[in-house]
């Protein structure tokens, strides 16, 4: 029984470490592609007042609903927003970052 409990803790730790690494990659992606217009971290205002902060996006919509839009290519979000298409891994990482923001 004790070995099972230890195994569960190890698996949970690995999963949270993997999620943290994914969220970190998602933050890097957000900074590279989105930070010219959006506040991509847990604080501050967006450089473009028409662009919502990522913490607002994360808090206002179920994060998983963004998965399809990211895969198909976000064509418009705010005036002047370029079209973006994300790879499956980038989507997972980006959504992990948004989930982390939602947890704040």
C-alpha atoms as a PDB file:
ATOM      1  CA  UNK A   1       0.000   0.000   0.000  1.00  0.00           C
ATOM      2  CA  UNK A   2       2.826   2.390   0.858  1.00  0.00           C
ATOM      3  CA  UNK A   3       4.571   1.636  -2.455  1.00  0.00           C
ATOM      4  CA  UNK A   4       1.349   2.449  -4.312  1.00  0.00           C
ATOM      5  CA  UNK A   5       1.043   5.777  -2.505  1.00  0.00           C
ATOM      6  CA  UNK A   6       4.651   6.633  -3.349  1.00  0.00           C
ATOM      7  CA  UNK A   7       4.081   5.659  -6.988  1.00  0.00           C
ATOM      8  CA  UNK A   8       1.018   7.903  -7.193  1.00  0.00           C
ATOM      9  CA  UNK A   9       2.981  10.826  -5.753  1.00  0.00           C
ATOM     10  CA  UNK A  10       5.799  10.288  -8.250  1.00  0.00           C
ATOM     11  CA  UNK A  11       3.382  10.153 -11.197  1.00  0.00           C
ATOM     12  CA  UNK A  12       1.553  13.274  -9.966  1.00  0.00           C
ATOM     13  CA  UNK A  13       4.860  15.086  -9.572  1.00  0.00           C
ATOM     14  CA  UNK A  14       5.947  14.127 -13.086  1.00  0.00           C
ATOM     15  CA  UNK A  15       2.614  15.269 -14.529  1.00  0.00           C
ATOM     16  CA  UNK A  16       2.798  18.626 -12.762  1.00  0.00           C
ATOM     17  CA  UNK A  17       6.423  19.012 -13.900  1.00  0.00           C
ATOM     18  CA  UNK A  18       5.403  18.242 -17.476  1.00  0.00           C
ATOM     19  CA  UNK A  19       2.508  20.717 -17.264  1.00  0.00           C
ATOM     20  CA  UNK A  20       4.838  23.372 -15.821  1.00  0.00           C
ATOM     21  CA  UNK A  21       7.351  22.815 -18.634  1.00  0.00           C
ATOM     22  CA  UNK A  22       4.560  23.009 -21.202  1.00  0.00           C
ATOM     23  CA  UNK A  23       3.239  26.244 -19.660  1.00  0.00           C
ATOM     24  CA  UNK A  24       6.746  27.711 -19.735  1.00  0.00           C
ATOM     25  CA  UNK A  25       7.070  26.901 -23.453  1.00  0.00           C
ATOM     26  CA  UNK A  26       3.611  28.425 -23.944  1.00  0.00           C
ATOM     27  CA  UNK A  27       4.729  31.647 -22.272  1.00  0.00           C
ATOM     28  CA  UNK A  28       7.771  31.830 -24.571  1.00  0.00           C
ATOM     29  CA  UNK A  29       5.490  31.300 -27.573  1.00  0.00           C
ATOM     30  CA  UNK A  30       3.070  33.976 -26.331  1.00  0.00           C
ATOM     31  CA  UNK A  31       5.919  36.438 -25.809  1.00  0.00           C
ATOM     32  CA  UNK A  32       7.304  35.747 -29.302  1.00  0.00           C
ATOM     33  CA  UNK A  33       4.019  35.920 -31.213  1.00  0.00           C
ATOM     34  CA  UNK A  34       1.578  37.905 -29.124  1.00  0.00           C
ATOM     35  CA  UNK A  35       3.258  40.335 -26.724  1.00  0.00           C
ATOM     36  CA  UNK A  36       3.449  43.192 -29.232  1.00  0.00           C
ATOM     37  CA  UNK A  37      -0.308  43.603 -28.718  1.00  0.00           C
ATOM     38  CA  UNK A  38      -1.312  41.526 -25.665  1.00  0.00           C
ATOM     39  CA  UNK A  39      -0.272  41.409 -22.036  1.00  0.00           C
ATOM     40  CA  UNK A  40       0.706  37.727 -21.970  1.00  0.00           C
ATOM     41  CA  UNK A  41       1.627  37.362 -18.294  1.00  0.00           C
ATOM     42  CA  UNK A  42      -0.382  37.641 -15.104  1.00  0.00           C
ATOM     43  CA  UNK A  43      -0.039  41.405 -14.789  1.00  0.00           C
ATOM     44  CA  UNK A  44       0.029  44.633 -16.756  1.00  0.00           C
ATOM     45  CA  UNK A  45      -2.010  46.143 -19.548  1.00  0.00           C
ATOM     46  CA  UNK A  46      -1.875  45.144 -23.197  1.00  0.00           C
ATOM     47  CA  UNK A  47       0.303  47.393 -25.391  1.00  0.00           C
ATOM     48  CA  UNK A  48      -2.664  47.623 -27.801  1.00  0.00           C
ATOM     49  CA  UNK A  49      -5.733  48.769 -25.873  1.00  0.00           C
ATOM     50  CA  UNK A  50      -7.976  46.823 -28.298  1.00  0.00           C
ATOM     51  CA  UNK A  51      -6.175  43.555 -27.491  1.00  0.00           C
ATOM     52  CA  UNK A  52      -7.435  41.761 -24.368  1.00  0.00           C
ATOM     53  CA  UNK A  53      -4.941  40.594 -21.786  1.00  0.00           C
ATOM     54  CA  UNK A  54      -4.299  36.873 -21.760  1.00  0.00           C
ATOM     55  CA  UNK A  55      -5.383  36.672 -18.125  1.00  0.00           C
ATOM     56  CA  UNK A  56      -8.761  38.110 -19.219  1.00  0.00           C
ATOM     57  CA  UNK A  57      -9.006  35.603 -22.062  1.00  0.00           C
ATOM     58  CA  UNK A  58      -8.093  32.759 -19.703  1.00  0.00           C
ATOM     59  CA  UNK A  59     -10.640  33.876 -17.132  1.00  0.00           C
ATOM     60  CA  UNK A  60     -13.454  34.649 -19.531  1.00  0.00           C
ATOM     61  CA  UNK A  61     -13.552  31.581 -21.803  1.00  0.00           C
ATOM     62  CA  UNK A  62     -12.946  27.870 -21.285  1.00  0.00           C
ATOM     63  CA  UNK A  63      -9.344  27.458 -22.401  1.00  0.00           C
ATOM     64  CA  UNK A  64     -10.044  24.222 -24.295  1.00  0.00           C
ATOM     65  CA  UNK A  65     -12.489  26.069 -26.586  1.00  0.00           C
ATOM     66  CA  UNK A  66      -9.520  27.903 -28.063  1.00  0.00           C
ATOM     67  CA  UNK A  67      -7.888  24.669 -29.248  1.00  0.00           C
ATOM     68  CA  UNK A  68      -9.768  24.474 -32.555  1.00  0.00           C
ATOM     69  CA  UNK A  69      -9.265  28.160 -33.356  1.00  0.00           C
ATOM     70  CA  UNK A  70      -5.530  27.810 -32.758  1.00  0.00           C
ATOM     71  CA  UNK A  71      -5.318  24.725 -34.982  1.00  0.00           C
ATOM     72  CA  UNK A  72      -7.305  26.274 -37.830  1.00  0.00           C
ATOM     73  CA  UNK A  73      -5.617  29.642 -37.576  1.00  0.00           C
ATOM     74  CA  UNK A  74      -6.855  32.667 -35.723  1.00  0.00           C
ATOM     75  CA  UNK A  75      -7.819  35.027 -38.505  1.00  0.00           C
ATOM     76  CA  UNK A  76      -9.108  37.916 -36.452  1.00  0.00           C
ATOM     77  CA  UNK A  77      -9.221  38.790 -32.831  1.00  0.00           C
ATOM     78  CA  UNK A  78      -8.724  42.540 -32.852  1.00  0.00           C
ATOM     79  CA  UNK A  79      -8.025  45.026 -35.650  1.00  0.00           C
ATOM     80  CA  UNK A  80      -4.580  44.559 -37.116  1.00  0.00           C
ATOM     81  CA  UNK A  81      -4.080  41.080 -35.635  1.00  0.00           C
ATOM     82  CA  UNK A  82      -2.036  38.863 -37.978  1.00  0.00           C
ATOM     83  CA  UNK A  83      -3.192  35.340 -38.770  1.00  0.00           C
ATOM     84  CA  UNK A  84      -1.571  32.648 -36.655  1.00  0.00           C
ATOM     85  CA  UNK A  85      -1.554  28.881 -36.993  1.00  0.00           C
ATOM     86  CA  UNK A  86      -0.108  26.720 -34.236  1.00  0.00           C
ATOM     87  CA  UNK A  87       1.297  23.186 -34.348  1.00  0.00           C
ATOM     88  CA  UNK A  88      -0.327  20.597 -32.052  1.00  0.00           C
ATOM     89  CA  UNK A  89       2.506  20.902 -29.521  1.00  0.00           C
ATOM     90  CA  UNK A  90       2.367  24.698 -29.619  1.00  0.00           C
ATOM     91  CA  UNK A  91      -1.370  24.520 -28.963  1.00  0.00           C
ATOM     92  CA  UNK A  92      -0.825  22.274 -25.940  1.00  0.00           C
ATOM     93  CA  UNK A  93       1.880  24.584 -24.610  1.00  0.00           C
ATOM     94  CA  UNK A  94      -0.116  27.751 -25.251  1.00  0.00           C
ATOM     95  CA  UNK A  95      -3.200  26.321 -23.531  1.00  0.00           C
ATOM     96  CA  UNK A  96      -1.055  25.187 -20.588  1.00  0.00           C
ATOM     97  CA  UNK A  97       0.125  28.787 -20.230  1.00  0.00           C
ATOM     98  CA  UNK A  98      -3.471  30.049 -20.292  1.00  0.00           C
ATOM     99  CA  UNK A  99      -4.512  27.432 -17.718  1.00  0.00           C
ATOM    100  CA  UNK A 100      -1.693  28.650 -15.488  1.00  0.00           C
ATOM    101  CA  UNK A 101      -2.961  32.242 -15.861  1.00  0.00           C
ATOM    102  CA  UNK A 102      -6.471  31.094 -15.043  1.00  0.00           C
ATOM    103  CA  UNK A 103      -5.185  29.615 -11.794  1.00  0.00           C
ATOM    104  CA  UNK A 104      -3.987  33.018 -10.564  1.00  0.00           C
END
